[in-house]
C-alpha atoms as a PDB file:
ATOM      1  CA  MET A   1       8.847  12.630   5.226  1.00  0.00           C
ATOM      2  CA  THR A   2       9.999   9.125   4.548  1.00  0.00           C
ATOM      3  CA  THR A   3       7.329   6.482   5.005  1.00  0.00           C
ATOM      4  CA  LYS A   4       7.885   2.765   5.344  1.00  0.00           C
ATOM      5  CA  ILE A   5       5.932   1.195   2.509  1.00  0.00           C
ATOM      6  CA  ALA A   6       5.307  -2.319   1.299  1.00  0.00           C
ATOM      7  CA  PHE A   7       4.029  -2.984  -2.214  1.00  0.00           C
ATOM      8  CA  ILE A   8       2.536  -6.352  -3.071  1.00  0.00           C
ATOM      9  CA  GLY A   9       2.142  -7.225  -6.728  1.00  0.00           C
ATOM     10  CA  LEU A  10       4.470  -5.971  -9.472  1.00  0.00           C
ATOM     11  CA  GLY A  11       2.588  -6.414 -12.684  1.00  0.00           C
ATOM     12  CA  VAL A  12       2.328  -3.862 -15.499  1.00  0.00           C
ATOM     13  CA  MET A  13       0.658  -1.488 -13.060  1.00  0.00           C
ATOM     14  CA  GLY A  14       2.342  -2.270  -9.733  1.00  0.00           C
ATOM     15  CA  PHE A  15       5.835  -2.203 -11.029  1.00  0.00           C
ATOM     16  CA  PRO A  16       5.922   1.458 -12.047  1.00  0.00           C
ATOM     17  CA  MET A  17       3.573   2.554  -9.188  1.00  0.00           C
ATOM     18  CA  ALA A  18       6.030   1.107  -6.637  1.00  0.00           C
ATOM     19  CA  GLY A  19       8.811   2.817  -8.526  1.00  0.00           C
ATOM     20  CA  HIS A  20       7.160   6.254  -8.201  1.00  0.00           C
ATOM     21  CA  LEU A  21       6.932   5.698  -4.467  1.00  0.00           C
ATOM     22  CA  ALA A  22      10.618   4.899  -4.272  1.00  0.00           C
ATOM     23  CA  LYS A  23      11.562   7.860  -6.424  1.00  0.00           C
ATOM     24  CA  ALA A  24       9.552  10.092  -4.027  1.00  0.00           C
ATOM     25  CA  GLY A  25      11.969   9.096  -1.281  1.00  0.00           C
ATOM     26  CA  HIS A  26       9.981   6.502   0.623  1.00  0.00           C
ATOM     27  CA  LYS A  27      11.536   3.229   1.932  1.00  0.00           C
ATOM     28  CA  VAL A  28       9.782   0.609  -0.197  1.00  0.00           C
ATOM     29  CA  THR A  29       9.864  -3.109   0.212  1.00  0.00           C
ATOM     30  CA  VAL A  30       8.237  -5.286  -2.486  1.00  0.00           C
ATOM     31  CA  TYR A  31       6.761  -8.735  -2.926  1.00  0.00           C
ATOM     32  CA  ASN A  32       5.810 -10.403  -6.166  1.00  0.00           C
ATOM     33  CA  ARG A  33       4.650 -13.989  -6.740  1.00  0.00           C
ATOM     34  CA  THR A  34       7.350 -14.309  -9.489  1.00  0.00           C
ATOM     35  CA  GLN A  35      10.369 -13.435  -7.256  1.00  0.00           C
ATOM     36  CA  SER A  36      12.625 -12.530 -10.240  1.00  0.00           C
ATOM     37  CA  LYS A  37      10.285  -9.652 -10.981  1.00  0.00           C
ATOM     38  CA  ALA A  38      10.694  -8.380  -7.345  1.00  0.00           C
ATOM     39  CA  GLN A  39      14.498  -8.641  -7.686  1.00  0.00           C
ATOM     40  CA  GLU A  40      14.430  -6.794 -10.992  1.00  0.00           C
ATOM     41  CA  TRP A  41      12.438  -4.015  -9.264  1.00  0.00           C
ATOM     42  CA  SER A  42      14.799  -3.838  -6.341  1.00  0.00           C
ATOM     43  CA  ALA A  43      17.855  -3.563  -8.640  1.00  0.00           C
ATOM     44  CA  ARG A  44      16.197  -0.753 -10.637  1.00  0.00           C
ATOM     45  CA  PHE A  45      14.857   1.269  -7.775  1.00  0.00           C
ATOM     46  CA  ASP A  46      17.381   0.446  -4.950  1.00  0.00           C
ATOM     47  CA  GLY A  47      14.629  -1.074  -2.724  1.00  0.00           C
ATOM     48  CA  LEU A  48      14.166  -4.297  -0.884  1.00  0.00           C
ATOM     49  CA  SER A  49      12.383  -7.463  -1.916  1.00  0.00           C
ATOM     50  CA  LYS A  50      10.933 -10.208   0.249  1.00  0.00           C
ATOM     51  CA  ASN A  51       9.706 -13.655  -0.547  1.00  0.00           C
ATOM     52  CA  THR A  52       6.269 -13.451   1.239  1.00  0.00           C
ATOM     53  CA  PRO A  53       3.694 -10.669   1.694  1.00  0.00           C
ATOM     54  CA  ALA A  54       4.092 -11.066   5.459  1.00  0.00           C
ATOM     55  CA  LYS A  55       7.802 -10.255   5.289  1.00  0.00           C
ATOM     56  CA  ALA A  56       7.351  -7.310   2.994  1.00  0.00           C
ATOM     57  CA  ALA A  57       4.517  -5.912   5.304  1.00  0.00           C
ATOM     58  CA  ASN A  58       6.426  -6.263   8.510  1.00  0.00           C
ATOM     59  CA  ASP A  59       6.713  -2.846  10.166  1.00  0.00           C
ATOM     60  CA  ALA A  60       5.271  -1.051   7.166  1.00  0.00           C
ATOM     61  CA  ASP A  61       3.226   2.041   7.719  1.00  0.00           C
ATOM     62  CA  ILE A  62       1.277   1.656   4.441  1.00  0.00           C
ATOM     63  CA  ILE A  63       0.847  -1.584   2.466  1.00  0.00           C
ATOM     64  CA  PHE A  64      -0.160  -1.199  -1.180  1.00  0.00           C
ATOM     65  CA  ILE A  65      -1.689  -4.147  -3.075  1.00  0.00           C
ATOM     66  CA  CYS A  66      -2.101  -4.608  -6.873  1.00  0.00           C
ATOM     67  CA  VAL A  67      -2.899  -8.157  -7.769  1.00  0.00           C
ATOM     68  CA  GLY A  68      -5.258 -10.007 -10.078  1.00  0.00           C
ATOM     69  CA  ASN A  69      -8.603 -10.863  -8.515  1.00  0.00           C
ATOM     70  CA  ASP A  70     -10.650 -11.548  -5.350  1.00  0.00           C
ATOM     71  CA  ASP A  71      -8.880 -14.893  -4.653  1.00  0.00           C
ATOM     72  CA  ASP A  72      -5.413 -13.329  -5.130  1.00  0.00           C
ATOM     73  CA  LEU A  73      -6.436 -10.542  -2.798  1.00  0.00           C
ATOM     74  CA  ARG A  74      -7.591 -12.827  -0.054  1.00  0.00           C
ATOM     75  CA  SER A  75      -4.472 -14.859  -0.332  1.00  0.00           C
ATOM     76  CA  VAL A  76      -2.029 -12.027   0.047  1.00  0.00           C
ATOM     77  CA  VAL A  77      -3.947 -10.426   2.931  1.00  0.00           C
ATOM     78  CA  CYS A  78      -5.246 -13.405   4.914  1.00  0.00           C
ATOM     79  CA  GLY A  79      -3.047 -16.297   3.900  1.00  0.00           C
ATOM     80  CA  GLU A  80      -0.642 -18.068   6.281  1.00  0.00           C
ATOM     81  CA  SER A  81       2.192 -15.782   4.908  1.00  0.00           C
ATOM     82  CA  GLY A  82      -0.175 -12.914   4.196  1.00  0.00           C
ATOM     83  CA  ILE A  83      -0.049  -9.283   5.109  1.00  0.00           C
ATOM     84  CA  LEU A  84      -2.129  -9.640   8.284  1.00  0.00           C
ATOM     85  CA  ALA A  85       0.299 -12.171   9.720  1.00  0.00           C
ATOM     86  CA  THR A  86       2.702  -9.260  10.519  1.00  0.00           C
ATOM     87  CA  ALA A  87       0.944  -5.996   9.801  1.00  0.00           C
ATOM     88  CA  LYS A  88       1.351  -3.614  12.763  1.00  0.00           C
ATOM     89  CA  GLU A  89      -1.547  -1.876  14.545  1.00  0.00           C
ATOM     90  CA  GLY A  90      -2.226   1.456  12.866  1.00  0.00           C
ATOM     91  CA  ALA A  91      -0.998   0.321   9.387  1.00  0.00           C
ATOM     92  CA  ILE A  92      -3.061   1.196   6.362  1.00  0.00           C
ATOM     93  CA  ILE A  93      -3.680  -1.241   3.514  1.00  0.00           C
ATOM     94  CA  VAL A  94      -4.398   0.456   0.157  1.00  0.00           C
ATOM     95  CA  ASP A  95      -5.751  -2.007  -2.360  1.00  0.00           C
ATOM     96  CA  HIS A  96      -5.361  -1.038  -5.992  1.00  0.00           C
ATOM     97  CA  THR A  97      -6.692  -4.318  -7.327  1.00  0.00           C
ATOM     98  CA  THR A  98      -9.892  -4.167  -9.409  1.00  0.00           C
ATOM     99  CA  ALA A  99     -12.005  -6.574  -7.389  1.00  0.00           C
ATOM    100  CA  SER A 100     -15.565  -6.941  -6.021  1.00  0.00           C
ATOM    101  CA  ALA A 101     -17.025  -4.569  -3.444  1.00  0.00           C
ATOM    102  CA  ASP A 102     -17.847  -7.585  -1.367  1.00  0.00           C
ATOM    103  CA  VAL A 103     -14.250  -8.700  -0.971  1.00  0.00           C
ATOM    104  CA  ALA A 104     -13.282  -5.152  -0.056  1.00  0.00           C
ATOM    105  CA  ARG A 105     -15.856  -5.176   2.735  1.00  0.00           C
ATOM    106  CA  GLU A 106     -14.764  -8.538   3.832  1.00  0.00           C
ATOM    107  CA  LEU A 107     -11.063  -7.722   4.111  1.00  0.00           C
ATOM    108  CA  SER A 108     -11.797  -4.346   5.746  1.00  0.00           C
ATOM    109  CA  THR A 109     -13.606  -6.183   8.496  1.00  0.00           C
ATOM    110  CA  VAL A 110     -10.789  -8.722   9.044  1.00  0.00           C
ATOM    111  CA  SER A 111      -8.146  -5.951   8.959  1.00  0.00           C
ATOM    112  CA  ALA A 112     -10.018  -3.869  11.513  1.00  0.00           C
ATOM    113  CA  GLN A 113      -9.919  -6.727  13.966  1.00  0.00           C
ATOM    114  CA  GLN A 114      -6.205  -6.287  14.023  1.00  0.00           C
ATOM    115  CA  GLY A 115      -6.286  -2.501  14.154  1.00  0.00           C
ATOM    116  CA  VAL A 116      -5.329  -2.195  10.511  1.00  0.00           C
ATOM    117  CA  ALA A 117      -7.271   0.148   8.171  1.00  0.00           C
ATOM    118  CA  PHE A 118      -8.241  -0.948   4.661  1.00  0.00           C
ATOM    119  CA  LEU A 119      -9.050   1.247   1.670  1.00  0.00           C
ATOM    120  CA  ASP A 120     -10.279  -0.066  -1.661  1.00  0.00           C
ATOM    121  CA  ALA A 121      -8.558   2.097  -4.241  1.00  0.00           C
ATOM    122  CA  PRO A 122      -8.949   0.751  -7.872  1.00  0.00           C
ATOM    123  CA  VAL A 123      -7.205   2.833 -10.583  1.00  0.00           C
ATOM    124  CA  SER A 124      -7.949   4.027 -14.050  1.00  0.00           C
ATOM    125  CA  GLY A 125      -5.420   5.152 -16.683  1.00  0.00           C
ATOM    126  CA  GLY A 126      -3.801   1.871 -17.808  1.00  0.00           C
ATOM    127  CA  GLN A 127      -0.199   0.974 -18.068  1.00  0.00           C
ATOM    128  CA  ALA A 128       0.719   4.397 -19.604  1.00  0.00           C
ATOM    129  CA  GLY A 129      -1.002   6.138 -16.689  1.00  0.00           C
ATOM    130  CA  ALA A 130       0.989   4.066 -14.114  1.00  0.00           C
ATOM    131  CA  GLU A 131       4.369   4.677 -15.895  1.00  0.00           C
ATOM    132  CA  ASN A 132       3.731   8.400 -16.271  1.00  0.00           C
ATOM    133  CA  GLY A 133       2.365   8.856 -12.787  1.00  0.00           C
ATOM    134  CA  GLN A 134      -1.013  10.027 -14.181  1.00  0.00           C
ATOM    135  CA  LEU A 135      -3.570   7.633 -12.749  1.00  0.00           C
ATOM    136  CA  THR A 136      -7.098   8.446 -11.463  1.00  0.00           C
ATOM    137  CA  ILE A 137      -7.882   6.656  -8.142  1.00  0.00           C
ATOM    138  CA  MET A 138     -11.334   5.889  -6.832  1.00  0.00           C
ATOM    139  CA  LEU A 139     -11.466   5.203  -3.075  1.00  0.00           C
ATOM    140  CA  GLY A 140     -13.708   3.730  -0.428  1.00  0.00           C
ATOM    141  CA  GLY A 141     -13.019   3.688   3.330  1.00  0.00           C
ATOM    142  CA  ASP A 142     -12.669   6.137   6.253  1.00  0.00           C
ATOM    143  CA  ALA A 143     -11.718   9.728   5.771  1.00  0.00           C
ATOM    144  CA  SER A 144      -8.859   9.735   8.282  1.00  0.00           C
ATOM    145  CA  SER A 145      -6.983   6.933   6.468  1.00  0.00           C
ATOM    146  CA  PHE A 146      -7.546   8.729   3.101  1.00  0.00           C
ATOM    147  CA  THR A 147      -6.046  11.931   4.524  1.00  0.00           C
ATOM    148  CA  GLN A 148      -2.966  10.065   5.588  1.00  0.00           C
ATOM    149  CA  ILE A 149      -2.349   8.291   2.199  1.00  0.00           C
ATOM    150  CA  GLU A 150      -3.444  11.032  -0.168  1.00  0.00           C
ATOM    151  CA  PRO A 151      -0.116  12.899  -0.366  1.00  0.00           C
ATOM    152  CA  ILE A 152       1.721   9.620  -0.797  1.00  0.00           C
ATOM    153  CA  ILE A 153      -0.363   8.261  -3.679  1.00  0.00           C
ATOM    154  CA  ALA A 154      -0.034  11.635  -5.400  1.00  0.00           C
ATOM    155  CA  SER A 155       3.492  10.375  -6.531  1.00  0.00           C
ATOM    156  CA  TYR A 156       1.640   8.253  -9.245  1.00  0.00           C
ATOM    157  CA  ALA A 157      -1.940   9.816  -9.276  1.00  0.00           C
ATOM    158  CA  LYS A 158      -3.069  12.854 -11.074  1.00  0.00           C
ATOM    159  CA  PHE A 159      -6.433  12.768  -9.274  1.00  0.00           C
ATOM    160  CA  SER A 160      -7.841  10.805  -6.422  1.00  0.00           C
ATOM    161  CA  ARG A 161     -11.100  11.048  -4.393  1.00  0.00           C
ATOM    162  CA  LEU A 162     -12.751   9.337  -1.484  1.00  0.00           C
ATOM    163  CA  LEU A 163     -16.189   8.431  -2.724  1.00  0.00           C
ATOM    164  CA  GLY A 164     -17.784   6.897   0.371  1.00  0.00           C
ATOM    165  CA  PRO A 165     -17.545   3.865   2.667  1.00  0.00           C
ATOM    166  CA  ILE A 166     -15.572   0.785   1.969  1.00  0.00           C
ATOM    167  CA  GLY A 167     -16.541  -0.750  -1.409  1.00  0.00           C
ATOM    168  CA  SER A 168     -17.296   2.575  -2.993  1.00  0.00           C
ATOM    169  CA  GLY A 169     -14.015   2.637  -4.901  1.00  0.00           C
ATOM    170  CA  GLN A 170     -14.757  -0.721  -6.476  1.00  0.00           C
ATOM    171  CA  LEU A 171     -18.339   0.295  -7.346  1.00  0.00           C
ATOM    172  CA  ALA A 172     -16.962   3.452  -9.045  1.00  0.00           C
ATOM    173  CA  LYS A 173     -14.458   1.276 -11.034  1.00  0.00           C
ATOM    174  CA  MET A 174     -17.360  -0.832 -12.246  1.00  0.00           C
ATOM    175  CA  MET A 175     -19.033   2.386 -13.556  1.00  0.00           C
ATOM    176  CA  ASN A 176     -15.730   3.252 -15.273  1.00  0.00           C
ATOM    177  CA  GLN A 177     -15.506  -0.115 -17.034  1.00  0.00           C
ATOM    178  CA  ILE A 178     -19.186   0.038 -18.024  1.00  0.00           C
ATOM    179  CA  CYS A 179     -18.531   3.387 -19.736  1.00  0.00           C
ATOM    180  CA  ILE A 180     -15.403   2.196 -21.458  1.00  0.00           C
ATOM    181  CA  ALA A 181     -17.076  -0.882 -22.882  1.00  0.00           C
ATOM    182  CA  GLY A 182     -19.842   1.102 -24.510  1.00  0.00           C
ATOM    183  CA  VAL A 183     -17.592   3.805 -25.859  1.00  0.00           C
ATOM    184  CA  VAL A 184     -15.121   1.353 -27.411  1.00  0.00           C
ATOM    185  CA  GLN A 185     -17.908  -0.599 -29.072  1.00  0.00           C
ATOM    186  CA  GLY A 186     -19.317   2.613 -30.552  1.00  0.00           C
ATOM    187  CA  LEU A 187     -15.941   3.672 -31.886  1.00  0.00           C
ATOM    188  CA  ALA A 188     -15.353   0.220 -33.361  1.00  0.00           C
ATOM    189  CA  GLU A 189     -18.704   0.304 -35.119  1.00  0.00           C
ATOM    190  CA  ALA A 190     -18.011   3.812 -36.483  1.00  0.00           C
ATOM    191  CA  LEU A 191     -14.595   2.831 -37.888  1.00  0.00           C
ATOM    192  CA  HIS A 192     -16.076  -0.386 -39.405  1.00  0.00           C
ATOM    193  CA  PHE A 193     -18.805   1.644 -41.016  1.00  0.00           C
ATOM    194  CA  GLY A 194     -16.383   4.256 -42.316  1.00  0.00           C
ATOM    195  CA  LEU A 195     -13.990   1.673 -43.795  1.00  0.00           C
ATOM    196  CA  ASN A 196     -16.855  -0.091 -45.535  1.00  0.00           C
ATOM    197  CA  ALA A 197     -18.119   3.262 -46.847  1.00  0.00           C
ATOM    198  CA  GLY A 198     -14.729   3.928 -48.412  1.00  0.00           C
ATOM    199  CA  LEU A 199     -13.950   6.979 -46.216  1.00  0.00           C
ATOM    200  CA  ASP A 200     -10.549   8.253 -45.108  1.00  0.00           C
ATOM    201  CA  CYS A 201     -11.293   7.396 -41.480  1.00  0.00           C
ATOM    202  CA  GLU A 202      -8.271   9.224 -40.092  1.00  0.00           C
ATOM    203  CA  SER A 203      -9.456  12.476 -41.647  1.00  0.00           C
ATOM    204  CA  VAL A 204     -12.940  11.838 -40.412  1.00  0.00           C
ATOM    205  CA  ILE A 205     -11.700  11.241 -36.891  1.00  0.00           C
ATOM    206  CA  ASP A 206      -9.779  14.488 -37.075  1.00  0.00           C
ATOM    207  CA  VAL A 207     -13.101  16.241 -37.796  1.00  0.00           C
ATOM    208  CA  ILE A 208     -15.558  14.476 -35.380  1.00  0.00           C
ATOM    209  CA  SER A 209     -13.122  14.437 -32.563  1.00  0.00           C
ATOM    210  CA  GLN A 210     -13.587  18.181 -32.456  1.00  0.00           C
ATOM    211  CA  GLY A 211     -17.249  17.797 -31.640  1.00  0.00           C
ATOM    212  CA  ALA A 212     -19.636  15.867 -29.386  1.00  0.00           C
ATOM    213  CA  ALA A 213     -18.325  12.424 -30.432  1.00  0.00           C
ATOM    214  CA  GLN A 214     -14.921  13.122 -28.883  1.00  0.00           C
ATOM    215  CA  SER A 215     -13.635  10.630 -26.271  1.00  0.00           C
ATOM    216  CA  TRP A 216     -10.310   9.475 -24.791  1.00  0.00           C
ATOM    217  CA  GLN A 217     -10.678   6.256 -26.809  1.00  0.00           C
ATOM    218  CA  MET A 218     -11.174   8.199 -30.023  1.00  0.00           C
ATOM    219  CA  GLU A 219      -8.211  10.457 -29.312  1.00  0.00           C
ATOM    220  CA  ASN A 220      -5.810   7.660 -28.243  1.00  0.00           C
ATOM    221  CA  ARG A 221      -6.957   4.461 -29.941  1.00  0.00           C
ATOM    222  CA  SER A 222      -8.670   5.273 -33.276  1.00  0.00           C
ATOM    223  CA  ASN A 223      -5.484   5.328 -35.322  1.00  0.00           C
ATOM    224  CA  THR A 224      -4.027   2.246 -33.669  1.00  0.00           C
ATOM    225  CA  MET A 225      -7.317   0.431 -34.282  1.00  0.00           C
ATOM    226  CA  LEU A 226      -7.138   1.440 -37.964  1.00  0.00           C
ATOM    227  CA  ALA A 227      -3.534   0.165 -38.060  1.00  0.00           C
ATOM    228  CA  GLY A 228      -4.575  -3.126 -36.491  1.00  0.00           C
ATOM    229  CA  LYS A 229      -2.343  -2.622 -33.435  1.00  0.00           C
ATOM    230  CA  TYR A 230      -3.742  -4.012 -30.180  1.00  0.00           C
ATOM    231  CA  ASP A 231      -0.884  -4.219 -27.778  1.00  0.00           C
ATOM    232  CA  PHE A 232      -1.530  -1.128 -25.701  1.00  0.00           C
ATOM    233  CA  GLY A 233      -1.923  -2.465 -22.189  1.00  0.00           C
ATOM    234  CA  PHE A 234      -5.159  -3.531 -20.618  1.00  0.00           C
ATOM    235  CA  ALA A 235      -6.007  -6.978 -22.035  1.00  0.00           C
ATOM    236  CA  VAL A 236      -9.325  -8.400 -23.092  1.00  0.00           C
ATOM    237  CA  ASP A 237      -9.036 -11.132 -20.436  1.00  0.00           C
ATOM    238  CA  TRP A 238      -8.824  -8.475 -17.708  1.00  0.00           C
ATOM    239  CA  MET A 239     -11.744  -6.530 -19.224  1.00  0.00           C
ATOM    240  CA  ARG A 240     -13.976  -9.571 -19.184  1.00  0.00           C
ATOM    241  CA  LYS A 241     -13.029 -10.115 -15.532  1.00  0.00           C
ATOM    242  CA  ASP A 242     -13.997  -6.528 -14.727  1.00  0.00           C
ATOM    243  CA  LEU A 243     -17.263  -6.696 -16.664  1.00  0.00           C
ATOM    244  CA  GLY A 244     -18.128  -9.928 -14.950  1.00  0.00           C
ATOM    245  CA  ILE A 245     -17.781  -8.265 -11.571  1.00  0.00           C
ATOM    246  CA  ALA A 246     -19.922  -5.338 -12.770  1.00  0.00           C
ATOM    247  CA  LEU A 247     -22.625  -7.673 -14.173  1.00  0.00           C
ATOM    248  CA  ASP A 248     -22.675  -9.704 -10.941  1.00  0.00           C
ATOM    249  CA  GLU A 249     -23.066  -6.526  -8.853  1.00  0.00           C
ATOM    250  CA  ALA A 250     -25.813  -5.376 -11.138  1.00  0.00           C
ATOM    251  CA  ARG A 251     -27.767  -8.545 -10.469  1.00  0.00           C
ATOM    252  CA  LYS A 252     -27.441  -7.808  -6.761  1.00  0.00           C
ATOM    253  CA  ASN A 253     -28.543  -4.167  -6.841  1.00  0.00           C
ATOM    254  CA  GLY A 254     -31.256  -4.549  -9.476  1.00  0.00           C
ATOM    255  CA  SER A 255     -29.515  -2.655 -12.315  1.00  0.00           C
ATOM    256  CA  THR A 256     -30.139  -3.501 -15.958  1.00  0.00           C
ATOM    257  CA  LEU A 257     -27.027  -3.412 -18.135  1.00  0.00           C
ATOM    258  CA  PRO A 258     -28.017  -4.712 -21.508  1.00  0.00           C
ATOM    259  CA  LEU A 259     -25.213  -2.957 -23.483  1.00  0.00           C
ATOM    260  CA  THR A 260     -22.545  -4.049 -20.996  1.00  0.00           C
ATOM    261  CA  ALA A 261     -23.698  -7.671 -21.170  1.00  0.00           C
ATOM    262  CA  LEU A 262     -23.691  -7.484 -24.970  1.00  0.00           C
ATOM    263  CA  VAL A 263     -20.190  -6.015 -25.203  1.00  0.00           C
ATOM    264  CA  ASP A 264     -18.958  -8.594 -22.751  1.00  0.00           C
ATOM    265  CA  GLN A 265     -20.103 -11.245 -25.234  1.00  0.00           C
ATOM    266  CA  PHE A 266     -18.355  -9.381 -28.040  1.00  0.00           C
ATOM    267  CA  TYR A 267     -15.191  -9.575 -26.025  1.00  0.00           C
ATOM    268  CA  ALA A 268     -15.732 -13.273 -25.642  1.00  0.00           C
ATOM    269  CA  ASP A 269     -15.843 -13.429 -29.438  1.00  0.00           C
ATOM    270  CA  VAL A 270     -12.427 -11.732 -29.533  1.00  0.00           C
ATOM    271  CA  GLN A 271     -11.112 -14.344 -27.064  1.00  0.00           C
ATOM    272  CA  ARG A 272     -12.347 -17.153 -29.174  1.00  0.00           C
ATOM    273  CA  GLU A 273     -10.460 -15.640 -32.062  1.00  0.00           C
ATOM    274  CA  GLY A 274      -7.264 -15.754 -30.062  1.00  0.00           C
ATOM    275  CA  GLY A 275      -7.235 -12.146 -28.853  1.00  0.00           C
ATOM    276  CA  ASN A 276      -7.065 -12.764 -25.128  1.00  0.00           C
ATOM    277  CA  ARG A 277      -4.068 -10.502 -24.724  1.00  0.00           C
ATOM    278  CA  PHE A 278      -5.182  -7.866 -27.186  1.00  0.00           C
ATOM    279  CA  ASP A 279      -6.012  -4.593 -25.600  1.00  0.00           C
ATOM    280  CA  THR A 280      -9.700  -3.503 -25.173  1.00  0.00           C
ATOM    281  CA  SER A 281      -9.830  -1.553 -28.439  1.00  0.00           C
ATOM    282  CA  SER A 282      -9.679  -4.884 -30.275  1.00  0.00           C
ATOM    283  CA  LEU A 283     -13.490  -5.000 -30.624  1.00  0.00           C
ATOM    284  CA  LEU A 284     -12.892  -3.858 -34.212  1.00  0.00           C
ATOM    285  CA  THR A 285     -11.284  -7.233 -35.006  1.00  0.00           C
ATOM    286  CA  ARG A 286     -14.560  -8.917 -34.355  1.00  0.00           C
ATOM    287  CA  LEU A 287     -16.421  -6.687 -36.813  1.00  0.00           C
ATOM    288  CA  LYS A 288     -13.872  -7.169 -39.518  1.00  0.00           C
ATOM    289  CA  SER A 289     -14.062 -10.977 -39.205  1.00  0.00           C
ATOM    290  CA  HIS A 290     -17.878 -11.017 -39.521  1.00  0.00           C
END
């Protein structure tokens, strides 16, 4: 069944995600801050583009969002030309932004006052996952809204799960980023060690990836790290934003995250060396330069 959809934010993730929705047969209207990007999307996927979130969201059944941070999110939802200026009663907002749990709760409350449901739904899988329709989605919110949107997000998700009340998706994404930071640093140190020891690191990885050391990062990034290639999607700047959110939440809930705090500072070193747009596997560059 065709659903009227609005998609707000067409970055490296949102652009292909909205495309999967259009290819699934839904009527999709998009908005992007840089309007030329929205026009490019409309031409490629035979959809509509509007020049404000409000116009895109008008009469939509489901409104997807994928923007940069808490402030961007507040702006596109609550701004003068934001989603809630036109969203109809009974609509569902699905927010794929990686943001704080606090802003998810805040916007859920504001949306509910207009009879609009809000789900926080951050994603994992990176640019390749978005392009290939293979994302993992962590959600927070009410079960009835999740039931309605689950078959629709399946167009770009290989797996999705409702994890609890509003904010639960963002908290789960924080766990995801905490795990990635530690694993990438461990892999970077292992490769650094192996290179200094004079080993054929590609051969070593072929062996140890068959055992307990195996990880997605090892399988997908070890060879590119050895080749000094760091242009595979999720940038250091964005990782630092995400780790900052996690560390802030940890202070609130009493968690101690010493490794996460340390790796966050290692990413700051990469930034100082000009690697802001390198992908997260670039921690090896820091070790090579020391």
